[in-house]
Amino acid sequence: MLQSPTLPESWRALLDAFRPAFRRSRTFALFALLATGLVTQTTRRTVVGMLAGAGMAAAVSFHAVCRFFSHHAWDTDRIGLTLARLIVSRLLDTDAAIEVVVDDTLFRRWGPKVFGAFWTHDGSAQDPNALGRGNRWIIIGIVVTVPFCSHPVCLPVLFRLWRGKGTASPVQLARELISILAQAFPDRLVHAVGDAAYHGKALLVPATTITTRLPANAALYALAPPRTGKRGRPRSKGARLGRPVDLAATAQWRRATITRYGRSVIVEIADIPSIWYGAFGNTPGRTVLVRDPGDDRVLAVFTTDTDSCTDAVVERYAHRWPIETAIASGKQLLGIGQARNRLQRAVERTVPLSFCVYSLVIVWYTLHGYHPDDLARRRSDQPWYPHKDEPAFEDMLAKLRRTLVAARITSVAAAQPDPRKYRDYELACAAAAA
């Protein structure tokens, strides 16, 4: 039997929800061990680092944890869908639609034998035209509202590795992920949001809508006119409306108060029924124009959602930003991408599993970990943040880390204390305050 670390009941209960996603109990035990080790490890989160973070390096062979990624039978989609069901059932209202955000990111990798490593655009670089070599991942996350944050939070759930030119494009991979999520929740409407790179007929998934930013040169048309009853092929699009800048010059603007990026702001909005024939064919949609009062700069958004109010569409597009912060926090604070796998199955599994742990940390903190005193403690430890009024992912991670280490300490018999575990707790607290 595989030994497992001592875990608090709240964290163990969340991990137990993933047990049906694994065929063997030993594989699930390795999953629980590595997920815990990824949270508690404060140095590099390589595969061996995860094992060391769980405090089980002397009890579990590092060969076993490496084979967990490269050889064991489990599927990242099953993990992601289990996480998605947990999020939807615990953090969303019963009849609420599911808002998902799609984006991609590059994890730089070196070496000729790394599977799926190519030269591609690096969106995280300061140069907008920068290239990097590594693994490019397409990610979709569910947007939720948590009670302790004024802005929405994105929880990544499903992932695809781009295989390079000549294979499925990022847009096609995004369709695959959105379709999987829509099929898993047939009783809910799925609203997908992406940046300007995610448009095309591939994203017209049944029972879903897509909202994306319009490029400056997009050619927009009026909706197709009704049939005339005359002979010949009916028209597939109406009169040409022009580019977004042309629509802005003649649009009827109205002022509205919306919640954007956690703040209520007054903006001017225009809504024009239209079709983006070059990207979505003759699918009916709407062009939504947004600008700040007194500012000539216009944000143009296209959506296939013809039922929601205009204000909701604007707020939904603003919900795209949390996936950027999720990717940045995952890389910088949880060390996602630091594992140096090379084999195909290991490369395809390590990043998705790590991002699922990222989402699981936020779920745990929302359900079990949040307390108002967390902010008071953070301001006491770091008095240079006097205006900090919301916990960040760093605070959630630190709280879970302390809870995990404290569980290891309290499991020790009073007559046989283990000094190493007390030292681990001191190091965890020091890392949280650093």
Protein backbone atom coordinates (compact mmCIF):
# COMPACT_ATOMS: atom_id res chain seq x y z
CA MET A 1 0.00 0.00 0.00
CA LEU A 2 1.19 3.49 -0.84
CA GLN A 3 1.79 5.66 2.20
CA SER A 4 0.03 9.02 2.16
CA PRO A 5 0.65 12.23 4.09
CA THR A 6 -1.64 13.34 6.89
CA LEU A 7 -4.21 15.72 5.41
CA PRO A 8 -6.86 17.99 6.94
CA GLU A 9 -10.40 16.75 6.39
CA SER A 10 -11.41 19.77 4.27
CA TRP A 11 -8.60 19.19 1.75
CA ARG A 12 -9.02 15.42 1.77
CA ALA A 13 -12.73 15.74 1.02
CA LEU A 14 -12.03 17.81 -2.08
CA LEU A 15 -9.40 15.35 -3.28
CA ASP A 16 -11.75 12.42 -2.70
CA ALA A 17 -14.12 13.93 -5.28
CA PHE A 18 -11.52 12.96 -7.91
CA ARG A 19 -11.31 9.31 -6.87
CA PRO A 20 -13.76 8.10 -9.59
CA ALA A 21 -11.50 9.68 -12.25
CA PHE A 22 -8.81 7.06 -11.56
CA ARG A 23 -9.02 3.36 -12.29
CA ARG A 24 -6.68 2.27 -9.51
CA SER A 25 -6.56 3.40 -5.90
CA ARG A 26 -2.77 3.60 -6.03
CA THR A 27 -2.95 6.06 -8.92
CA PHE A 28 -5.40 8.19 -6.99
CA ALA A 29 -3.10 8.10 -3.96
CA LEU A 30 -0.26 9.41 -6.12
CA PHE A 31 -2.54 12.16 -7.41
CA ALA A 32 -3.42 13.23 -3.86
CA LEU A 33 0.23 13.13 -2.85
CA LEU A 34 1.44 15.21 -5.81
CA ALA A 35 -1.40 17.74 -5.51
CA THR A 36 -0.53 18.23 -1.85
CA GLY A 37 3.18 18.41 -2.59
CA LEU A 38 2.63 21.05 -5.29
CA VAL A 39 0.87 23.24 -2.71
CA THR A 40 3.33 22.78 0.14
CA GLN A 41 6.55 22.98 -1.89
CA THR A 42 8.13 26.44 -1.66
CA THR A 43 11.08 25.87 -4.02
CA ARG A 44 11.03 24.52 -7.58
CA ARG A 45 7.94 22.46 -8.39
CA THR A 46 9.53 19.76 -10.48
CA VAL A 47 8.01 16.30 -10.23
CA VAL A 48 10.56 15.33 -7.59
CA GLY A 49 9.96 18.69 -5.93
CA MET A 50 6.26 17.83 -5.55
CA LEU A 51 7.24 14.58 -3.85
CA ALA A 52 9.59 16.42 -1.51
CA GLY A 53 6.93 19.04 -0.75
CA ALA A 54 4.56 16.30 0.42
CA GLY A 55 7.24 15.09 2.86
CA MET A 56 7.16 11.60 1.38
CA ALA A 57 10.50 11.47 -0.42
CA ALA A 58 11.80 8.80 1.98
CA ALA A 59 8.66 6.66 1.69
CA VAL A 60 7.75 6.86 -2.02
CA SER A 61 10.14 6.21 -4.90
CA PHE A 62 10.65 9.14 -7.26
CA HIS A 63 10.41 6.60 -10.11
CA ALA A 64 6.79 5.98 -9.07
CA VAL A 65 5.80 9.66 -9.25
CA CYS A 66 7.56 10.07 -12.60
CA ARG A 67 5.68 7.06 -13.98
CA PHE A 68 2.44 8.62 -12.70
CA PHE A 69 2.76 11.23 -15.45
CA SER A 70 4.37 9.12 -18.16
CA HIS A 71 2.76 5.67 -17.88
CA HIS A 72 -0.18 5.39 -15.48
CA ALA A 73 -3.72 5.16 -16.86
CA TRP A 74 -5.65 8.40 -16.23
CA ASP A 75 -7.09 11.17 -18.36
CA THR A 76 -6.77 14.93 -17.95
CA ASP A 77 -10.26 15.54 -19.37
CA ARG A 78 -11.81 13.39 -16.63
CA ILE A 79 -9.88 15.34 -14.03
CA GLY A 80 -10.98 18.64 -15.57
CA LEU A 81 -14.64 17.63 -15.84
CA THR A 82 -14.65 16.40 -12.24
CA LEU A 83 -13.27 19.78 -11.22
CA ALA A 84 -15.83 21.57 -13.42
CA ARG A 85 -18.72 19.67 -11.80
CA LEU A 86 -17.35 20.55 -8.38
CA ILE A 87 -17.16 24.24 -9.33
CA VAL A 88 -20.60 24.37 -10.93
CA SER A 89 -22.30 22.51 -8.08
CA ARG A 90 -20.62 24.43 -5.25
CA LEU A 91 -19.90 27.91 -6.59
CA LEU A 92 -22.63 28.67 -9.17
CA ASP A 93 -26.35 29.20 -8.75
CA THR A 94 -28.63 26.34 -9.74
CA ASP A 95 -29.91 27.84 -13.01
CA ALA A 96 -26.99 30.14 -13.83
CA ALA A 97 -25.29 29.96 -17.21
CA ILE A 98 -21.66 28.90 -17.28
CA GLU A 99 -19.23 31.59 -18.37
CA VAL A 100 -15.95 30.22 -19.72
CA VAL A 101 -12.88 32.07 -20.91
CA VAL A 102 -10.47 30.71 -23.51
CA ASP A 103 -6.86 31.77 -23.91
CA ASP A 104 -3.45 30.30 -24.61
CA THR A 105 -0.03 30.63 -23.07
CA LEU A 106 3.52 29.48 -23.72
CA PHE A 107 5.67 27.51 -21.31
CA ARG A 108 9.24 27.91 -22.50
CA ARG A 109 11.11 24.63 -22.87
CA TRP A 110 14.55 23.76 -24.17
CA GLY A 111 16.04 20.58 -25.54
CA PRO A 112 15.49 18.75 -28.83
CA LYS A 113 13.66 15.83 -27.20
CA VAL A 114 10.90 17.77 -25.44
CA PHE A 115 7.60 16.65 -26.93
CA GLY A 116 5.47 19.33 -28.56
CA ALA A 117 8.03 22.14 -28.25
CA PHE A 118 7.89 24.64 -31.12
CA TRP A 119 8.76 28.24 -31.88
CA THR A 120 5.57 30.25 -31.48
CA HIS A 121 4.22 33.58 -30.29
CA ASP A 122 4.92 34.37 -26.64
CA GLY A 123 2.11 36.56 -25.33
CA SER A 124 3.73 36.97 -21.91
CA ALA A 125 6.83 38.70 -23.33
CA GLN A 126 7.11 42.47 -23.22
CA ASP A 127 7.60 42.59 -26.97
CA PRO A 128 4.19 41.93 -28.60
CA ASN A 129 5.96 40.27 -31.55
CA ALA A 130 8.26 38.11 -29.44
CA LEU A 131 8.70 34.44 -30.20
CA GLY A 132 9.60 31.65 -27.81
CA ARG A 133 10.23 27.94 -27.98
CA GLY A 134 8.20 25.68 -25.77
CA ASN A 135 4.79 24.12 -25.21
CA ARG A 136 1.80 26.22 -26.16
CA TRP A 137 -1.33 25.40 -24.18
CA ILE A 138 -4.93 26.33 -24.95
CA ILE A 139 -6.85 26.78 -21.69
CA ILE A 140 -10.50 27.28 -20.81
CA GLY A 141 -11.57 28.29 -17.33
CA ILE A 142 -14.90 28.80 -15.59
CA VAL A 143 -15.57 32.32 -14.31
CA VAL A 144 -17.07 32.45 -10.81
CA THR A 145 -17.84 35.14 -8.26
CA VAL A 146 -16.50 34.51 -4.77
CA PRO A 147 -17.82 36.40 -1.73
CA PHE A 148 -14.47 37.83 -0.64
CA CYS A 149 -13.48 39.38 -4.01
CA SER A 150 -15.09 42.30 -5.83
CA HIS A 151 -13.96 40.95 -9.19
CA PRO A 152 -14.64 37.56 -10.80
CA VAL A 153 -12.15 34.69 -10.57
CA CYS A 154 -11.22 32.30 -13.38
CA LEU A 155 -10.70 28.63 -12.54
CA PRO A 156 -8.92 26.71 -15.35
CA VAL A 157 -10.44 23.28 -15.99
CA LEU A 158 -9.70 21.93 -19.50
CA PHE A 159 -6.54 22.06 -21.62
CA ARG A 160 -5.09 21.14 -24.99
CA LEU A 161 -1.49 21.12 -26.18
CA TRP A 162 -0.96 22.70 -29.57
CA ARG A 163 1.01 20.30 -31.77
CA GLY A 164 2.43 22.84 -34.24
CA LYS A 165 1.68 23.88 -37.79
CA GLY A 166 -0.22 21.37 -39.88
CA THR A 167 -2.26 20.17 -36.89
CA ALA A 168 -5.46 21.43 -35.29
CA SER A 169 -5.32 25.19 -34.80
CA PRO A 170 -5.81 26.86 -31.41
CA VAL A 171 -9.33 27.87 -32.50
CA GLN A 172 -10.18 24.26 -33.36
CA LEU A 173 -8.76 23.07 -30.04
CA ALA A 174 -10.81 25.72 -28.25
CA ARG A 175 -13.94 24.38 -29.97
CA GLU A 176 -13.08 20.90 -28.76
CA LEU A 177 -12.78 22.07 -25.16
CA ILE A 178 -15.97 24.15 -25.27
CA SER A 179 -17.85 21.20 -26.79
CA ILE A 180 -16.65 18.87 -24.02
CA LEU A 181 -17.85 21.28 -21.36
CA ALA A 182 -21.19 21.89 -23.09
CA GLN A 183 -21.84 18.15 -23.36
CA ALA A 184 -21.04 17.70 -19.67
CA PHE A 185 -23.69 20.29 -18.73
CA PRO A 186 -26.54 19.82 -21.24
CA ASP A 187 -29.02 21.63 -18.98
CA ARG A 188 -27.00 24.88 -18.86
CA LEU A 189 -26.13 27.49 -21.44
CA VAL A 190 -22.41 28.08 -21.93
CA HIS A 191 -21.15 31.58 -22.74
CA ALA A 192 -17.58 31.51 -24.09
CA VAL A 193 -15.33 34.58 -24.22
CA GLY A 194 -12.01 35.01 -26.01
CA ASP A 195 -9.70 37.69 -27.28
CA ALA A 196 -9.40 38.75 -30.91
CA ALA A 197 -7.48 35.58 -31.84
CA TYR A 198 -10.48 33.35 -31.09
CA HIS A 199 -13.02 33.75 -33.85
CA GLY A 200 -14.22 31.54 -36.67
CA LYS A 201 -16.98 29.14 -37.61
CA ALA A 202 -15.30 26.41 -35.56
CA LEU A 203 -16.47 28.22 -32.42
CA LEU A 204 -20.15 27.97 -33.35
CA VAL A 205 -20.86 25.17 -30.89
CA PRO A 206 -24.51 24.18 -30.27
CA ALA A 207 -26.00 25.44 -26.96
CA THR A 208 -23.16 27.94 -26.56
CA THR A 209 -22.41 31.53 -27.49
CA ILE A 210 -19.07 33.16 -28.28
CA THR A 211 -18.03 36.73 -27.49
CA THR A 212 -14.80 38.07 -28.92
CA ARG A 213 -13.07 41.34 -29.69
CA LEU A 214 -13.35 42.69 -33.22
CA PRO A 215 -10.16 43.55 -35.09
CA ALA A 216 -9.98 47.03 -36.58
CA ASN A 217 -10.31 45.74 -40.16
CA ALA A 218 -13.33 43.48 -39.56
CA ALA A 219 -15.99 43.85 -42.27
CA LEU A 220 -19.47 43.88 -40.76
CA TYR A 221 -22.80 43.47 -42.51
CA ALA A 222 -26.44 43.91 -41.63
CA LEU A 223 -28.54 40.83 -40.94
CA ALA A 224 -29.73 38.89 -43.96
CA PRO A 225 -33.00 40.37 -45.29
CA PRO A 226 -36.14 38.21 -45.34
CA ARG A 227 -36.92 36.12 -48.39
CA THR A 228 -38.61 38.03 -51.19
CA GLY A 229 -40.44 35.04 -52.66
CA LYS A 230 -38.74 35.57 -56.02
CA ARG A 231 -36.71 32.98 -57.84
CA GLY A 232 -33.02 32.66 -57.14
CA ARG A 233 -30.75 32.15 -54.19
CA PRO A 234 -31.75 34.21 -51.12
CA ARG A 235 -29.26 36.73 -49.80
CA SER A 236 -26.97 35.48 -47.01
CA LYS A 237 -26.10 38.94 -45.68
CA GLY A 238 -27.47 42.42 -45.72
CA ALA A 239 -25.88 45.71 -46.65
CA ARG A 240 -22.30 46.33 -45.67
CA LEU A 241 -22.03 48.32 -42.45
CA GLY A 242 -18.29 48.92 -42.66
CA ARG A 243 -15.58 48.58 -40.07
CA PRO A 244 -16.03 49.16 -36.31
CA VAL A 245 -14.78 52.74 -36.67
CA ASP A 246 -17.47 53.39 -39.29
CA LEU A 247 -20.16 52.04 -36.96
CA ALA A 248 -18.89 54.20 -34.10
CA ALA A 249 -19.25 57.36 -36.21
CA THR A 250 -22.97 56.79 -36.83
CA ALA A 251 -24.02 54.76 -33.77
CA GLN A 252 -26.65 55.83 -31.26
CA TRP A 253 -24.85 55.91 -27.94
CA ARG A 254 -26.40 55.63 -24.50
CA ARG A 255 -24.85 55.88 -21.05
CA ALA A 256 -24.89 52.92 -18.69
CA THR A 257 -23.37 51.95 -15.35
CA ILE A 258 -21.64 48.59 -15.51
CA THR A 259 -19.35 46.57 -13.28
CA ARG A 260 -15.99 46.17 -14.97
CA TYR A 261 -12.80 44.81 -13.40
CA GLY A 262 -14.37 44.95 -9.95
CA ARG A 263 -15.50 48.59 -10.17
CA SER A 264 -18.74 50.30 -11.16
CA VAL A 265 -18.06 52.70 -14.02
CA ILE A 266 -20.11 54.86 -16.37
CA VAL A 267 -19.57 54.08 -20.05
CA GLU A 268 -21.23 54.81 -23.36
CA ILE A 269 -22.59 51.78 -25.22
CA ALA A 270 -23.98 51.18 -28.70
CA ASP A 271 -25.58 47.92 -29.86
CA ILE A 272 -25.91 47.14 -33.59
CA PRO A 273 -27.44 43.88 -34.88
CA SER A 274 -24.97 42.56 -37.42
CA ILE A 275 -23.13 39.59 -38.80
CA TRP A 276 -19.38 39.08 -39.11
CA TYR A 277 -19.55 37.22 -42.38
CA GLY A 278 -15.84 36.66 -42.75
CA ALA A 279 -15.57 34.90 -39.38
CA PHE A 280 -18.98 33.44 -38.52
CA GLY A 281 -20.76 33.35 -41.86
CA ASN A 282 -24.39 34.45 -41.76
CA THR A 283 -24.86 33.62 -38.07
CA PRO A 284 -26.91 36.45 -36.51
CA GLY A 285 -25.01 38.42 -33.89
CA ARG A 286 -24.47 41.85 -32.39
CA THR A 287 -21.68 44.36 -32.49
CA VAL A 288 -21.33 46.11 -29.13
CA LEU A 289 -19.31 49.31 -29.01
CA VAL A 290 -17.99 50.63 -25.68
CA ARG A 291 -16.18 53.85 -24.83
CA ASP A 292 -15.55 56.03 -21.81
CA PRO A 293 -17.37 59.39 -21.78
CA GLY A 294 -15.24 62.00 -23.50
CA ASP A 295 -12.86 59.41 -24.96
CA ASP A 296 -12.70 58.70 -28.69
CA ARG A 297 -11.17 55.24 -28.24
CA VAL A 298 -13.74 52.51 -28.86
CA LEU A 299 -13.77 48.86 -27.83
CA ALA A 300 -15.65 46.78 -30.42
CA VAL A 301 -17.00 43.39 -29.33
CA PHE A 302 -18.88 40.85 -31.42
CA THR A 303 -21.16 38.26 -29.83
CA THR A 304 -23.46 35.53 -31.08
CA ASP A 305 -25.56 36.00 -27.94
CA THR A 306 -28.70 37.77 -29.17
CA ASP A 307 -30.72 37.33 -25.97
CA SER A 308 -28.68 38.86 -23.12
CA CYS A 309 -28.85 42.56 -22.45
CA THR A 310 -26.07 44.77 -23.80
CA ASP A 311 -24.70 45.60 -20.36
CA ALA A 312 -24.30 41.89 -19.59
CA VAL A 313 -22.33 41.37 -22.81
CA VAL A 314 -19.94 44.20 -21.92
CA GLU A 315 -19.41 42.83 -18.41
CA ARG A 316 -18.94 39.32 -19.80
CA TYR A 317 -16.14 40.45 -22.07
CA ALA A 318 -14.49 42.19 -19.11
CA HIS A 319 -14.56 38.80 -17.36
CA ARG A 320 -11.94 37.63 -19.85
CA TRP A 321 -9.16 39.32 -17.89
CA PRO A 322 -9.15 36.92 -14.87
CA ILE A 323 -7.71 34.14 -17.01
CA GLU A 324 -4.65 36.31 -17.56
CA THR A 325 -4.16 36.69 -13.81
CA ALA A 326 -4.80 32.97 -13.33
CA ILE A 327 -2.05 32.07 -15.79
CA ALA A 328 0.37 34.57 -14.24
CA SER A 329 -0.35 33.42 -10.68
CA GLY A 330 -0.09 29.77 -11.69
CA LYS A 331 3.33 30.32 -13.21
CA GLN A 332 4.77 32.68 -10.59
CA LEU A 333 3.22 31.46 -7.33
CA LEU A 334 2.46 27.79 -7.93
CA GLY A 335 5.41 27.07 -10.20
CA ILE A 336 3.36 25.63 -13.06
CA GLY A 337 5.64 24.74 -15.95
CA GLN A 338 8.75 24.11 -13.86
CA ALA A 339 8.54 20.35 -14.29
CA ARG A 340 11.04 19.15 -16.89
CA ASN A 341 9.15 16.30 -18.54
CA ARG A 342 10.09 15.22 -22.04
CA LEU A 343 7.92 12.18 -22.89
CA GLN A 344 4.64 12.82 -24.68
CA ARG A 345 2.21 11.63 -21.99
CA ALA A 346 4.16 13.36 -19.24
CA VAL A 347 4.24 16.66 -21.13
CA GLU A 348 0.53 16.42 -21.91
CA ARG A 349 -0.40 15.80 -18.26
CA THR A 350 1.82 17.86 -15.97
CA VAL A 351 0.61 21.37 -16.82
CA PRO A 352 -3.13 20.44 -16.80
CA LEU A 353 -2.81 18.69 -13.45
CA SER A 354 -0.97 21.67 -11.97
CA PHE A 355 -3.60 24.14 -13.18
CA CYS A 356 -6.34 21.94 -11.73
CA VAL A 357 -4.54 22.14 -8.39
CA TYR A 358 -4.47 25.93 -8.80
CA SER A 359 -8.26 25.94 -9.22
CA LEU A 360 -8.66 23.51 -6.34
CA VAL A 361 -6.77 25.86 -4.01
CA ILE A 362 -9.29 28.64 -4.73
CA VAL A 363 -12.22 26.24 -4.32
CA TRP A 364 -10.84 25.10 -0.95
CA TYR A 365 -10.30 28.65 0.25
CA THR A 366 -13.81 29.68 -0.81
CA LEU A 367 -15.50 26.73 0.89
CA HIS A 368 -13.31 26.19 3.94
CA GLY A 369 -10.40 28.58 4.28
CA TYR A 370 -11.61 32.18 4.13
CA HIS A 371 -11.72 34.20 7.32
CA PRO A 372 -11.71 38.01 7.69
CA ASP A 373 -8.72 37.76 10.00
CA ASP A 374 -6.60 36.60 7.06
CA LEU A 375 -6.36 40.17 5.77
CA ALA A 376 -5.57 41.55 9.22
CA ARG A 377 -2.74 39.07 9.53
CA ARG A 378 -1.38 39.94 6.11
CA ARG A 379 -1.48 43.67 6.87
CA SER A 380 0.24 43.00 10.19
CA ASP A 381 3.01 40.97 8.53
CA GLN A 382 3.35 43.42 5.64
CA PRO A 383 2.35 46.91 6.88
CA TRP A 384 3.32 48.47 3.56
CA TYR A 385 -0.05 47.18 2.21
CA PRO A 386 -2.40 49.34 4.32
CA HIS A 387 -5.14 49.40 1.68
CA LYS A 388 -5.21 45.67 0.97
CA ASP A 389 -8.86 44.66 1.40
CA GLU A 390 -9.15 41.42 -0.63
CA PRO A 391 -7.19 38.17 -0.42
CA ALA A 392 -5.06 37.33 -3.44
CA PHE A 393 -4.15 33.85 -4.62
CA GLU A 394 -0.92 34.18 -2.64
CA ASP A 395 -2.98 34.54 0.55
CA MET A 396 -5.12 31.52 -0.34
CA LEU A 397 -2.06 29.42 -1.06
CA ALA A 398 -0.39 30.47 2.19
CA LYS A 399 -3.51 29.66 4.22
CA LEU A 400 -3.81 26.19 2.69
CA ARG A 401 -0.09 25.61 3.12
CA ARG A 402 -0.26 26.44 6.83
CA THR A 403 -3.33 24.22 7.21
CA LEU A 404 -1.58 21.27 5.59
CA VAL A 405 1.55 21.65 7.69
CA ALA A 406 -0.48 22.10 10.87
CA ALA A 407 -2.32 18.84 10.12
CA ARG A 408 1.00 17.04 9.95
CA ILE A 409 2.03 18.50 13.31
CA THR A 410 -1.20 17.74 15.18
CA SER A 411 -1.06 14.13 13.99
CA VAL A 412 2.12 13.58 16.03
CA ALA A 413 1.63 12.00 19.45
CA ALA A 414 2.44 14.36 22.33
CA ALA A 415 4.88 11.87 23.87
CA GLN A 416 6.76 11.51 20.57
CA PRO A 417 7.07 14.96 18.97
CA ASP A 418 8.83 15.22 15.64
CA PRO A 419 11.07 18.33 15.54
CA ARG A 420 11.26 18.20 11.75
CA LYS A 421 7.52 18.84 11.41
CA TYR A 422 7.67 21.85 13.69
CA ARG A 423 10.50 23.14 11.58
CA ASP A 424 8.39 22.59 8.45
CA TYR A 425 5.62 24.68 9.99
CA GLU A 426 8.04 27.50 10.81
CA LEU A 427 9.39 27.42 7.24
CA ALA A 428 5.85 27.47 5.81
CA CYS A 429 4.91 30.48 7.92
CA ALA A 430 8.14 32.23 6.93
CA ALA A 431 7.47 31.53 3.24
CA ALA A 432 3.93 32.86 3.58
CA ALA A 433 5.19 36.09 5.10
CA ALA A 434 8.00 36.53 2.57
